[in-house]
Protein backbone atom coordinates (compact mmCIF):
# COMPACT_ATOMS: atom_id res chain seq x y z
CA UNK A 1 96.42 96.54 89.13
CA UNK A 2 96.59 94.21 92.10
CA UNK A 3 99.04 94.71 94.94
CA UNK A 4 100.39 91.56 96.58
CA UNK A 5 102.21 90.93 99.84
CA UNK A 6 103.55 87.48 100.67
CA UNK A 7 104.28 86.12 104.12
CA UNK A 8 104.86 82.82 105.88
CA UNK A 9 108.23 81.76 104.56
CA UNK A 10 110.96 80.43 106.80
CA UNK A 11 113.18 77.52 107.70
CA UNK A 12 111.71 74.05 108.17
CA UNK A 13 113.04 70.52 108.40
CA UNK A 14 112.45 68.07 105.58
CA UNK A 15 109.06 66.46 105.96
CA UNK A 16 107.65 69.52 107.69
CA UNK A 17 105.00 72.00 106.65
CA UNK A 18 104.66 75.71 105.99
CA UNK A 19 101.79 77.88 104.91
CA UNK A 20 102.41 80.87 102.69
CA UNK A 21 99.95 83.73 102.48
CA UNK A 22 99.44 86.22 99.69
CA UNK A 23 97.38 89.23 100.69
CA UNK A 24 95.92 90.99 97.68
CA UNK A 25 94.42 94.45 97.27
CA UNK A 26 93.00 96.28 94.33
CA UNK A 27 89.71 96.54 92.50
CA UNK A 28 90.31 93.50 90.28
CA UNK A 29 91.24 91.03 93.04
CA UNK A 30 87.99 89.09 92.92
CA UNK A 31 88.38 88.50 89.19
CA UNK A 32 92.02 87.52 89.38
CA UNK A 33 93.73 84.22 89.01
CA UNK A 34 96.30 84.16 91.79
CA UNK A 35 99.15 81.75 92.02
CA UNK A 36 102.71 81.03 92.98
CA UNK A 37 106.01 80.68 91.22
CA UNK A 38 109.29 79.77 92.85
CA UNK A 39 112.90 80.28 91.95
CA UNK A 40 115.75 78.39 93.49
CA UNK A 41 119.23 79.84 93.45
CA UNK A 42 120.84 79.31 90.08
CA UNK A 43 117.72 77.75 88.57
CA UNK A 44 114.93 78.86 86.30
CA UNK A 45 111.65 80.08 87.69
CA UNK A 46 109.14 77.26 88.19
CA UNK A 47 105.38 77.60 88.26
CA UNK A 48 103.91 76.01 91.40
CA UNK A 49 100.15 76.43 91.61
CA UNK A 50 97.24 78.74 90.81
CA UNK A 51 93.61 79.28 91.73
CA UNK A 52 91.15 81.17 89.56
CA UNK A 53 88.26 83.39 90.53
CA UNK A 54 85.89 80.40 90.58
CA UNK A 55 88.15 78.43 92.91
CA UNK A 56 89.51 76.04 90.33
CA UNK A 57 93.05 74.95 91.10
CA UNK A 58 96.05 73.68 89.18
CA UNK A 59 99.42 72.42 90.35
CA UNK A 60 102.85 71.83 88.97
CA UNK A 61 103.86 68.20 88.74
CA UNK A 62 106.59 68.55 91.36
CA UNK A 63 104.15 69.65 94.08
CA UNK A 64 100.98 67.69 93.27
CA UNK A 65 99.72 65.80 96.29
CA UNK A 66 101.89 67.83 98.69
CA UNK A 67 100.82 71.45 98.20
CA UNK A 68 97.32 72.89 98.39
CA UNK A 69 96.30 76.32 97.18
CA UNK A 70 93.17 78.01 98.48
CA UNK A 71 91.65 81.46 98.65
CA UNK A 72 89.60 83.35 101.19
CA UNK A 73 87.66 85.91 99.20
CA UNK A 74 86.46 87.71 102.31
CA UNK A 75 90.07 88.38 103.27
CA UNK A 76 91.40 88.73 99.70
CA UNK A 77 94.08 86.25 100.63
CA UNK A 78 95.44 83.19 98.88
CA UNK A 79 97.18 80.47 100.82
CA UNK A 80 99.69 77.86 99.79
CA UNK A 81 99.78 74.98 102.26
CA UNK A 82 103.00 73.08 101.76
CA UNK A 83 103.32 69.64 103.32
CA UNK A 84 105.96 66.91 103.12
CA UNK A 85 108.54 69.52 102.24
CA UNK A 86 111.76 68.45 100.58
CA UNK A 87 115.12 70.20 100.32
CA UNK A 88 114.43 70.72 96.63
CA UNK A 89 111.47 72.90 97.58
CA UNK A 90 113.94 75.48 98.84
CA UNK A 91 113.40 78.66 96.84
CA UNK A 92 112.05 82.17 96.88
CA UNK A 93 108.30 81.90 96.40
CA UNK A 94 106.54 84.67 94.50
CA UNK A 95 102.83 85.33 94.44
CA UNK A 96 101.32 86.64 91.23
CA UNK A 97 97.91 87.79 90.07
CA UNK A 98 96.61 87.98 86.57
CA UNK A 99 93.39 89.30 85.07
CA UNK A 100 92.47 89.24 81.42
CA UNK A 101 92.98 92.71 80.00
CA UNK A 102 94.84 94.01 83.06
CA UNK A 103 98.15 92.14 82.91
CA UNK A 104 99.97 90.64 85.87
CA UNK A 105 101.21 91.76 89.25
CA UNK A 106 103.90 90.27 91.47
CA UNK A 107 104.74 90.20 95.12
CA UNK A 108 108.19 90.77 96.57
CA UNK A 109 108.84 87.10 97.32
CA UNK A 110 109.32 85.08 100.48
CA UNK A 111 112.17 82.67 101.19
CA UNK A 112 111.44 79.04 101.98
CA UNK A 113 114.35 76.92 103.15
CA UNK A 114 113.99 73.20 103.76
CA UNK A 115 116.83 71.63 105.72
CA UNK A 116 117.73 67.99 105.16
């Protein structure tokens, strides 16, 4: 199992930037795909981005070109750089980790609020 702790959420004006961090611990971290989901109030959960153990990245259509996911293997931390933020990006952002054969783990979530 992987333990995850998110940080970096907050309040920002539209057009601004935030960087979320997901600190991971556990013996399978290096083999994990780690990513982000978000859930806005009253809406379904939406997948945002992920990065696999080889550094390959994927993004949801709504964030392509604005968000960048990266990982620092020395620090066991994954980052989500969010630029050109829009009010519709407002949500609780959850970090997750998944490894084949070991299932998935989730963080506690961090609130991102984008003011118009």
